[in-house]
mmCIF file of all heavy atoms, coordinates in Angstrom:
data_MODEL
# 
_entry.id   MODEL 
# 
loop_
_atom_site.group_PDB 
_atom_site.id 
_atom_site.type_symbol 
_atom_site.label_atom_id 
_atom_site.label_alt_id 
_atom_site.label_comp_id 
_atom_site.label_asym_id 
_atom_site.label_entity_id 
_atom_site.label_seq_id 
_atom_site.pdbx_PDB_ins_code 
_atom_site.Cartn_x 
_atom_site.Cartn_y 
_atom_site.Cartn_z 
_atom_site.occupancy 
_atom_site.B_iso_or_equiv 
_atom_site.pdbx_formal_charge 
_atom_site.auth_seq_id 
_atom_site.auth_comp_id 
_atom_site.auth_asym_id 
_atom_site.auth_atom_id 
_atom_site.pdbx_PDB_model_num 
ATOM 1   N N   . LEU A 1 1  ? 68.045 103.602 50.703 1.00 0.00 ? 1  LEU A N   1 
ATOM 2   C CA  . LEU A 1 1  ? 67.588 104.462 49.668 1.00 0.00 ? 1  LEU A CA  1 
ATOM 3   C C   . LEU A 1 1  ? 68.579 105.680 49.524 1.00 0.00 ? 1  LEU A C   1 
ATOM 4   O O   . LEU A 1 1  ? 69.150 106.155 50.533 1.00 0.00 ? 1  LEU A O   1 
ATOM 5   C CB  . LEU A 1 1  ? 66.277 104.968 49.927 1.00 0.00 ? 1  LEU A CB  1 
ATOM 6   C CG  . LEU A 1 1  ? 65.038 103.966 49.854 1.00 0.00 ? 1  LEU A CG  1 
ATOM 7   C CD1 . LEU A 1 1  ? 63.825 104.451 50.486 1.00 0.00 ? 1  LEU A CD1 1 
ATOM 8   C CD2 . LEU A 1 1  ? 64.853 103.464 48.474 1.00 0.00 ? 1  LEU A CD2 1 
ATOM 9   N N   . VAL A 1 2  ? 68.561 106.244 48.298 1.00 0.00 ? 2  VAL A N   1 
ATOM 10  C CA  . VAL A 1 2  ? 69.200 107.512 48.174 1.00 0.00 ? 2  VAL A CA  1 
ATOM 11  C C   . VAL A 1 2  ? 68.074 108.477 47.640 1.00 0.00 ? 2  VAL A C   1 
ATOM 12  O O   . VAL A 1 2  ? 67.407 108.006 46.670 1.00 0.00 ? 2  VAL A O   1 
ATOM 13  C CB  . VAL A 1 2  ? 70.397 107.436 47.245 1.00 0.00 ? 2  VAL A CB  1 
ATOM 14  C CG1 . VAL A 1 2  ? 70.109 106.966 45.825 1.00 0.00 ? 2  VAL A CG1 1 
ATOM 15  C CG2 . VAL A 1 2  ? 71.127 108.732 47.266 1.00 0.00 ? 2  VAL A CG2 1 
ATOM 16  N N   . ALA A 1 3  ? 67.928 109.665 48.151 1.00 0.00 ? 3  ALA A N   1 
ATOM 17  C CA  . ALA A 1 3  ? 66.907 110.596 47.735 1.00 0.00 ? 3  ALA A CA  1 
ATOM 18  C C   . ALA A 1 3  ? 67.524 111.647 46.785 1.00 0.00 ? 3  ALA A C   1 
ATOM 19  O O   . ALA A 1 3  ? 68.625 112.188 47.109 1.00 0.00 ? 3  ALA A O   1 
ATOM 20  C CB  . ALA A 1 3  ? 66.169 111.174 48.966 1.00 0.00 ? 3  ALA A CB  1 
ATOM 21  N N   . PHE A 1 4  ? 66.746 112.128 45.869 1.00 0.00 ? 4  PHE A N   1 
ATOM 22  C CA  . PHE A 1 4  ? 67.133 113.199 44.897 1.00 0.00 ? 4  PHE A CA  1 
ATOM 23  C C   . PHE A 1 4  ? 65.928 114.127 44.833 1.00 0.00 ? 4  PHE A C   1 
ATOM 24  O O   . PHE A 1 4  ? 64.849 113.763 44.587 1.00 0.00 ? 4  PHE A O   1 
ATOM 25  C CB  . PHE A 1 4  ? 67.479 112.656 43.532 1.00 0.00 ? 4  PHE A CB  1 
ATOM 26  C CG  . PHE A 1 4  ? 67.834 113.711 42.645 1.00 0.00 ? 4  PHE A CG  1 
ATOM 27  C CD1 . PHE A 1 4  ? 69.263 114.340 42.601 1.00 0.00 ? 4  PHE A CD1 1 
ATOM 28  C CD2 . PHE A 1 4  ? 66.976 114.277 41.746 1.00 0.00 ? 4  PHE A CD2 1 
ATOM 29  C CE1 . PHE A 1 4  ? 69.501 115.335 41.828 1.00 0.00 ? 4  PHE A CE1 1 
ATOM 30  C CE2 . PHE A 1 4  ? 67.295 115.265 40.877 1.00 0.00 ? 4  PHE A CE2 1 
ATOM 31  C CZ  . PHE A 1 4  ? 68.613 115.840 40.854 1.00 0.00 ? 4  PHE A CZ  1 
ATOM 32  N N   . TRP A 1 5  ? 66.321 115.540 44.894 1.00 0.00 ? 5  TRP A N   1 
ATOM 33  C CA  . TRP A 1 5  ? 65.402 116.510 44.650 1.00 0.00 ? 5  TRP A CA  1 
ATOM 34  C C   . TRP A 1 5  ? 66.077 117.712 44.202 1.00 0.00 ? 5  TRP A C   1 
ATOM 35  O O   . TRP A 1 5  ? 67.316 117.926 44.505 1.00 0.00 ? 5  TRP A O   1 
ATOM 36  C CB  . TRP A 1 5  ? 64.343 116.723 45.709 1.00 0.00 ? 5  TRP A CB  1 
ATOM 37  C CG  . TRP A 1 5  ? 64.947 117.429 46.996 1.00 0.00 ? 5  TRP A CG  1 
ATOM 38  C CD1 . TRP A 1 5  ? 64.939 118.782 47.274 1.00 0.00 ? 5  TRP A CD1 1 
ATOM 39  C CD2 . TRP A 1 5  ? 65.730 116.785 48.053 1.00 0.00 ? 5  TRP A CD2 1 
ATOM 40  N NE1 . TRP A 1 5  ? 65.533 118.944 48.500 1.00 0.00 ? 5  TRP A NE1 1 
ATOM 41  C CE2 . TRP A 1 5  ? 66.101 117.734 48.999 1.00 0.00 ? 5  TRP A CE2 1 
ATOM 42  C CE3 . TRP A 1 5  ? 66.200 115.460 48.279 1.00 0.00 ? 5  TRP A CE3 1 
ATOM 43  C CZ2 . TRP A 1 5  ? 66.765 117.436 50.168 1.00 0.00 ? 5  TRP A CZ2 1 
ATOM 44  C CZ3 . TRP A 1 5  ? 66.886 115.219 49.464 1.00 0.00 ? 5  TRP A CZ3 1 
ATOM 45  C CH2 . TRP A 1 5  ? 67.234 116.176 50.438 1.00 0.00 ? 5  TRP A CH2 1 
ATOM 46  N N   . THR A 1 6  ? 65.448 118.662 43.568 1.00 0.00 ? 6  THR A N   1 
ATOM 47  C CA  . THR A 1 6  ? 65.919 119.944 43.178 1.00 0.00 ? 6  THR A CA  1 
ATOM 48  C C   . THR A 1 6  ? 65.128 120.899 43.867 1.00 0.00 ? 6  THR A C   1 
ATOM 49  O O   . THR A 1 6  ? 63.933 121.019 43.766 1.00 0.00 ? 6  THR A O   1 
ATOM 50  C CB  . THR A 1 6  ? 65.835 120.105 41.649 1.00 0.00 ? 6  THR A CB  1 
ATOM 51  O OG1 . THR A 1 6  ? 66.670 119.100 40.994 1.00 0.00 ? 6  THR A OG1 1 
ATOM 52  C CG2 . THR A 1 6  ? 66.582 121.375 41.219 1.00 0.00 ? 6  THR A CG2 1 
ATOM 53  N N   . SER A 1 7  ? 65.830 121.918 44.645 1.00 0.00 ? 7  SER A N   1 
ATOM 54  C CA  . SER A 1 7  ? 65.151 122.944 45.385 1.00 0.00 ? 7  SER A CA  1 
ATOM 55  C C   . SER A 1 7  ? 65.158 124.272 44.585 1.00 0.00 ? 7  SER A C   1 
ATOM 56  O O   . SER A 1 7  ? 65.738 124.255 43.400 1.00 0.00 ? 7  SER A O   1 
ATOM 57  C CB  . SER A 1 7  ? 65.840 123.179 46.657 1.00 0.00 ? 7  SER A CB  1 
ATOM 58  O OG  . SER A 1 7  ? 67.222 123.607 46.568 1.00 0.00 ? 7  SER A OG  1 
ATOM 59  N N   . ASP A 1 8  ? 64.538 125.302 45.125 1.00 0.00 ? 8  ASP A N   1 
ATOM 60  C CA  . ASP A 1 8  ? 64.542 126.575 44.502 1.00 0.00 ? 8  ASP A CA  1 
ATOM 61  C C   . ASP A 1 8  ? 65.960 126.989 44.077 1.00 0.00 ? 8  ASP A C   1 
ATOM 62  O O   . ASP A 1 8  ? 66.846 126.689 44.813 1.00 0.00 ? 8  ASP A O   1 
ATOM 63  C CB  . ASP A 1 8  ? 63.877 127.573 45.430 1.00 0.00 ? 8  ASP A CB  1 
ATOM 64  C CG  . ASP A 1 8  ? 62.416 127.274 45.579 1.00 0.00 ? 8  ASP A CG  1 
ATOM 65  O OD1 . ASP A 1 8  ? 61.778 126.730 44.690 1.00 0.00 ? 8  ASP A OD1 1 
ATOM 66  O OD2 . ASP A 1 8  ? 61.798 127.719 46.621 1.00 0.00 ? 8  ASP A OD2 1 
ATOM 67  N N   . GLY A 1 9  ? 66.131 127.589 42.964 1.00 0.00 ? 9  GLY A N   1 
ATOM 68  C CA  . GLY A 1 9  ? 67.387 127.985 42.504 1.00 0.00 ? 9  GLY A CA  1 
ATOM 69  C C   . GLY A 1 9  ? 68.187 126.840 41.782 1.00 0.00 ? 9  GLY A C   1 
ATOM 70  O O   . GLY A 1 9  ? 69.350 126.899 41.644 1.00 0.00 ? 9  GLY A O   1 
ATOM 71  N N   . ASP A 1 10 ? 67.471 125.806 41.495 1.00 0.00 ? 10 ASP A N   1 
ATOM 72  C CA  . ASP A 1 10 ? 67.985 124.693 40.764 1.00 0.00 ? 10 ASP A CA  1 
ATOM 73  C C   . ASP A 1 10 ? 69.108 124.051 41.491 1.00 0.00 ? 10 ASP A C   1 
ATOM 74  O O   . ASP A 1 10 ? 70.120 123.552 40.722 1.00 0.00 ? 10 ASP A O   1 
ATOM 75  C CB  . ASP A 1 10 ? 68.393 125.027 39.247 1.00 0.00 ? 10 ASP A CB  1 
ATOM 76  C CG  . ASP A 1 10 ? 67.183 125.486 38.471 1.00 0.00 ? 10 ASP A CG  1 
ATOM 77  O OD1 . ASP A 1 10 ? 66.077 124.859 38.739 1.00 0.00 ? 10 ASP A OD1 1 
ATOM 78  O OD2 . ASP A 1 10 ? 67.308 126.285 37.522 1.00 0.00 ? 10 ASP A OD2 1 
ATOM 79  N N   . LYS A 1 11 ? 69.128 123.907 42.781 1.00 0.00 ? 11 LYS A N   1 
ATOM 80  C CA  . LYS A 1 11 ? 70.177 123.242 43.556 1.00 0.00 ? 11 LYS A CA  1 
ATOM 81  C C   . LYS A 1 11 ? 69.680 121.878 43.698 1.00 0.00 ? 11 LYS A C   1 
ATOM 82  O O   . LYS A 1 11 ? 68.662 121.456 44.186 1.00 0.00 ? 11 LYS A O   1 
ATOM 83  C CB  . LYS A 1 11 ? 70.316 123.948 44.942 1.00 0.00 ? 11 LYS A CB  1 
ATOM 84  C CG  . LYS A 1 11 ? 71.410 123.275 45.842 1.00 0.00 ? 11 LYS A CG  1 
ATOM 85  C CD  . LYS A 1 11 ? 71.620 124.244 47.078 1.00 0.00 ? 11 LYS A CD  1 
ATOM 86  C CE  . LYS A 1 11 ? 72.560 123.650 48.056 1.00 0.00 ? 11 LYS A CE  1 
ATOM 87  N NZ  . LYS A 1 11 ? 73.373 122.789 47.957 1.00 0.00 ? 11 LYS A NZ  1 
ATOM 88  N N   . HIS A 1 12 ? 70.574 120.907 43.347 1.00 0.00 ? 12 HIS A N   1 
ATOM 89  C CA  . HIS A 1 12 ? 70.365 119.465 43.395 1.00 0.00 ? 12 HIS A CA  1 
ATOM 90  C C   . HIS A 1 12 ? 70.802 118.946 44.821 1.00 0.00 ? 12 HIS A C   1 
ATOM 91  O O   . HIS A 1 12 ? 71.877 119.392 45.358 1.00 0.00 ? 12 HIS A O   1 
ATOM 92  C CB  . HIS A 1 12 ? 71.205 118.743 42.325 1.00 0.00 ? 12 HIS A CB  1 
ATOM 93  C CG  . HIS A 1 12 ? 70.888 119.189 40.987 1.00 0.00 ? 12 HIS A CG  1 
ATOM 94  N ND1 . HIS A 1 12 ? 69.622 119.024 40.438 1.00 0.00 ? 12 HIS A ND1 1 
ATOM 95  C CD2 . HIS A 1 12 ? 71.699 119.700 40.027 1.00 0.00 ? 12 HIS A CD2 1 
ATOM 96  C CE1 . HIS A 1 12 ? 69.597 119.508 39.201 1.00 0.00 ? 12 HIS A CE1 1 
ATOM 97  N NE2 . HIS A 1 12 ? 70.847 119.906 38.917 1.00 0.00 ? 12 HIS A NE2 1 
ATOM 98  N N   . HIS A 1 13 ? 69.986 118.009 45.288 1.00 0.00 ? 13 HIS A N   1 
ATOM 99  C CA  . HIS A 1 13 ? 70.236 117.413 46.622 1.00 0.00 ? 13 HIS A CA  1 
ATOM 100 C C   . HIS A 1 13 ? 70.255 115.963 46.381 1.00 0.00 ? 13 HIS A C   1 
ATOM 101 O O   . HIS A 1 13 ? 69.314 115.355 45.763 1.00 0.00 ? 13 HIS A O   1 
ATOM 102 C CB  . HIS A 1 13 ? 69.153 117.754 47.637 1.00 0.00 ? 13 HIS A CB  1 
ATOM 103 C CG  . HIS A 1 13 ? 69.069 119.240 47.913 1.00 0.00 ? 13 HIS A CG  1 
ATOM 104 N ND1 . HIS A 1 13 ? 69.799 119.927 48.772 1.00 0.00 ? 13 HIS A ND1 1 
ATOM 105 C CD2 . HIS A 1 13 ? 68.307 120.249 47.255 1.00 0.00 ? 13 HIS A CD2 1 
ATOM 106 C CE1 . HIS A 1 13 ? 69.524 121.274 48.736 1.00 0.00 ? 13 HIS A CE1 1 
ATOM 107 N NE2 . HIS A 1 13 ? 68.546 121.398 47.797 1.00 0.00 ? 13 HIS A NE2 1 
ATOM 108 N N   . PHE A 1 14 ? 71.192 115.304 46.849 1.00 0.00 ? 14 PHE A N   1 
ATOM 109 C CA  . PHE A 1 14 ? 71.370 113.751 46.623 1.00 0.00 ? 14 PHE A CA  1 
ATOM 110 C C   . PHE A 1 14 ? 71.879 113.193 47.942 1.00 0.00 ? 14 PHE A C   1 
ATOM 111 O O   . PHE A 1 14 ? 72.981 113.414 48.354 1.00 0.00 ? 14 PHE A O   1 
ATOM 112 C CB  . PHE A 1 14 ? 72.435 113.607 45.535 1.00 0.00 ? 14 PHE A CB  1 
ATOM 113 C CG  . PHE A 1 14 ? 72.694 112.153 45.136 1.00 0.00 ? 14 PHE A CG  1 
ATOM 114 C CD1 . PHE A 1 14 ? 71.682 111.413 44.275 1.00 0.00 ? 14 PHE A CD1 1 
ATOM 115 C CD2 . PHE A 1 14 ? 73.758 111.368 45.434 1.00 0.00 ? 14 PHE A CD2 1 
ATOM 116 C CE1 . PHE A 1 14 ? 71.795 110.183 43.896 1.00 0.00 ? 14 PHE A CE1 1 
ATOM 117 C CE2 . PHE A 1 14 ? 73.836 110.104 45.090 1.00 0.00 ? 14 PHE A CE2 1 
ATOM 118 C CZ  . PHE A 1 14 ? 72.931 109.458 44.213 1.00 0.00 ? 14 PHE A CZ  1 
ATOM 119 N N   . VAL A 1 15 ? 70.990 112.548 48.717 1.00 0.00 ? 15 VAL A N   1 
ATOM 120 C CA  . VAL A 1 15 ? 71.184 112.263 50.133 1.00 0.00 ? 15 VAL A CA  1 
ATOM 121 C C   . VAL A 1 15 ? 71.065 110.753 50.276 1.00 0.00 ? 15 VAL A C   1 
ATOM 122 O O   . VAL A 1 15 ? 69.997 110.231 50.036 1.00 0.00 ? 15 VAL A O   1 
ATOM 123 C CB  . VAL A 1 15 ? 70.413 113.096 51.098 1.00 0.00 ? 15 VAL A CB  1 
ATOM 124 C CG1 . VAL A 1 15 ? 70.758 112.712 52.492 1.00 0.00 ? 15 VAL A CG1 1 
ATOM 125 C CG2 . VAL A 1 15 ? 70.558 114.527 50.888 1.00 0.00 ? 15 VAL A CG2 1 
ATOM 126 N N   . ASP A 1 16 ? 72.066 110.188 50.887 1.00 0.00 ? 16 ASP A N   1 
ATOM 127 C CA  . ASP A 1 16 ? 71.940 108.734 51.267 1.00 0.00 ? 16 ASP A CA  1 
ATOM 128 C C   . ASP A 1 16 ? 71.088 108.648 52.475 1.00 0.00 ? 16 ASP A C   1 
ATOM 129 O O   . ASP A 1 16 ? 71.201 109.368 53.497 1.00 0.00 ? 16 ASP A O   1 
ATOM 130 C CB  . ASP A 1 16 ? 73.447 108.251 51.660 1.00 0.00 ? 16 ASP A CB  1 
ATOM 131 C CG  . ASP A 1 16 ? 73.520 106.828 51.984 1.00 0.00 ? 16 ASP A CG  1 
ATOM 132 O OD1 . ASP A 1 16 ? 72.531 106.041 51.990 1.00 0.00 ? 16 ASP A OD1 1 
ATOM 133 O OD2 . ASP A 1 16 ? 74.758 106.312 52.298 1.00 0.00 ? 16 ASP A OD2 1 
ATOM 134 N N   . GLY A 1 17 ? 70.149 107.682 52.442 1.00 0.00 ? 17 GLY A N   1 
ATOM 135 C CA  . GLY A 1 17 ? 69.205 107.537 53.445 1.00 0.00 ? 17 GLY A CA  1 
ATOM 136 C C   . GLY A 1 17 ? 68.714 106.056 53.650 1.00 0.00 ? 17 GLY A C   1 
ATOM 137 O O   . GLY A 1 17 ? 69.223 105.210 52.902 1.00 0.00 ? 17 GLY A O   1 
ATOM 138 N N   . HIS A 1 18 ? 67.795 105.789 54.436 1.00 0.00 ? 18 HIS A N   1 
ATOM 139 C CA  . HIS A 1 18 ? 67.195 104.606 54.652 1.00 0.00 ? 18 HIS A CA  1 
ATOM 140 C C   . HIS A 1 18 ? 65.776 104.718 55.292 1.00 0.00 ? 18 HIS A C   1 
ATOM 141 O O   . HIS A 1 18 ? 65.490 105.750 55.716 1.00 0.00 ? 18 HIS A O   1 
ATOM 142 C CB  . HIS A 1 18 ? 68.013 103.682 55.692 1.00 0.00 ? 18 HIS A CB  1 
ATOM 143 C CG  . HIS A 1 18 ? 68.093 104.238 57.050 1.00 0.00 ? 18 HIS A CG  1 
ATOM 144 N ND1 . HIS A 1 18 ? 68.937 105.288 57.453 1.00 0.00 ? 18 HIS A ND1 1 
ATOM 145 C CD2 . HIS A 1 18 ? 67.466 103.923 58.107 1.00 0.00 ? 18 HIS A CD2 1 
ATOM 146 C CE1 . HIS A 1 18 ? 68.823 105.523 58.658 1.00 0.00 ? 18 HIS A CE1 1 
ATOM 147 N NE2 . HIS A 1 18 ? 67.907 104.765 59.091 1.00 0.00 ? 18 HIS A NE2 1 
ATOM 148 N N   . THR A 1 19 ? 65.008 103.639 55.269 1.00 0.00 ? 19 THR A N   1 
ATOM 149 C CA  . THR A 1 19 ? 63.726 103.787 55.912 1.00 0.00 ? 19 THR A CA  1 
ATOM 150 C C   . THR A 1 19 ? 63.828 102.795 57.129 1.00 0.00 ? 19 THR A C   1 
ATOM 151 O O   . THR A 1 19 ? 64.492 101.831 57.136 1.00 0.00 ? 19 THR A O   1 
ATOM 152 C CB  . THR A 1 19 ? 62.645 103.239 54.951 1.00 0.00 ? 19 THR A CB  1 
ATOM 153 O OG1 . THR A 1 19 ? 62.913 101.951 54.383 1.00 0.00 ? 19 THR A OG1 1 
ATOM 154 C CG2 . THR A 1 19 ? 62.444 104.069 53.801 1.00 0.00 ? 19 THR A CG2 1 
ATOM 155 N N   . ASP A 1 20 ? 62.965 103.172 58.180 1.00 0.00 ? 20 ASP A N   1 
ATOM 156 C CA  . ASP A 1 20 ? 62.812 102.348 59.342 1.00 0.00 ? 20 ASP A CA  1 
ATOM 157 C C   . ASP A 1 20 ? 61.877 101.246 59.054 1.00 0.00 ? 20 ASP A C   1 
ATOM 158 O O   . ASP A 1 20 ? 61.181 101.183 57.991 1.00 0.00 ? 20 ASP A O   1 
ATOM 159 C CB  . ASP A 1 20 ? 62.617 103.128 60.520 1.00 0.00 ? 20 ASP A CB  1 
ATOM 160 C CG  . ASP A 1 20 ? 61.250 103.886 60.562 1.00 0.00 ? 20 ASP A CG  1 
ATOM 161 O OD1 . ASP A 1 20 ? 60.389 103.658 59.705 1.00 0.00 ? 20 ASP A OD1 1 
ATOM 162 O OD2 . ASP A 1 20 ? 61.072 104.745 61.398 1.00 0.00 ? 20 ASP A OD2 1 
ATOM 163 N N   . GLY A 1 21 ? 61.520 100.537 60.127 1.00 0.00 ? 21 GLY A N   1 
ATOM 164 C CA  . GLY A 1 21 ? 60.453 99.472  59.940 1.00 0.00 ? 21 GLY A CA  1 
ATOM 165 C C   . GLY A 1 21 ? 59.159 99.992  59.651 1.00 0.00 ? 21 GLY A C   1 
ATOM 166 O O   . GLY A 1 21 ? 58.310 99.160  59.204 1.00 0.00 ? 21 GLY A O   1 
ATOM 167 N N   . ASP A 1 22 ? 58.846 101.167 59.869 1.00 0.00 ? 22 ASP A N   1 
ATOM 168 C CA  . ASP A 1 22 ? 57.441 101.727 59.638 1.00 0.00 ? 22 ASP A CA  1 
ATOM 169 C C   . ASP A 1 22 ? 57.439 102.443 58.179 1.00 0.00 ? 22 ASP A C   1 
ATOM 170 O O   . ASP A 1 22 ? 56.312 102.938 57.853 1.00 0.00 ? 22 ASP A O   1 
ATOM 171 C CB  . ASP A 1 22 ? 57.078 102.740 60.651 1.00 0.00 ? 22 ASP A CB  1 
ATOM 172 C CG  . ASP A 1 22 ? 56.873 102.082 62.084 1.00 0.00 ? 22 ASP A CG  1 
ATOM 173 O OD1 . ASP A 1 22 ? 56.407 100.879 62.009 1.00 0.00 ? 22 ASP A OD1 1 
ATOM 174 O OD2 . ASP A 1 22 ? 57.282 102.655 63.021 1.00 0.00 ? 22 ASP A OD2 1 
ATOM 175 N N   . GLY A 1 23 ? 58.623 102.524 57.591 1.00 0.00 ? 23 GLY A N   1 
ATOM 176 C CA  . GLY A 1 23 ? 58.539 103.275 56.335 1.00 0.00 ? 23 GLY A CA  1 
ATOM 177 C C   . GLY A 1 23 ? 59.088 104.678 56.250 1.00 0.00 ? 23 GLY A C   1 
ATOM 178 O O   . GLY A 1 23 ? 58.858 105.436 55.288 1.00 0.00 ? 23 GLY A O   1 
ATOM 179 N N   . LEU A 1 24 ? 59.423 105.216 57.326 1.00 0.00 ? 24 LEU A N   1 
ATOM 180 C CA  . LEU A 1 24 ? 59.883 106.564 57.439 1.00 0.00 ? 24 LEU A CA  1 
ATOM 181 C C   . LEU A 1 24 ? 61.241 106.685 56.866 1.00 0.00 ? 24 LEU A C   1 
ATOM 182 O O   . LEU A 1 24 ? 62.102 105.965 57.253 1.00 0.00 ? 24 LEU A O   1 
ATOM 183 C CB  . LEU A 1 24 ? 59.909 107.128 58.960 1.00 0.00 ? 24 LEU A CB  1 
ATOM 184 C CG  . LEU A 1 24 ? 58.533 107.231 59.694 1.00 0.00 ? 24 LEU A CG  1 
ATOM 185 C CD1 . LEU A 1 24 ? 58.647 107.788 61.069 1.00 0.00 ? 24 LEU A CD1 1 
ATOM 186 C CD2 . LEU A 1 24 ? 57.546 108.160 58.807 1.00 0.00 ? 24 LEU A CD2 1 
# 
């Protein structure tokens, strides 16, 4: 998965990620 969110100050975050076998 790749996650996207915008934090305070309209800063965009786009981070390569993955889930483990439990969904974390």
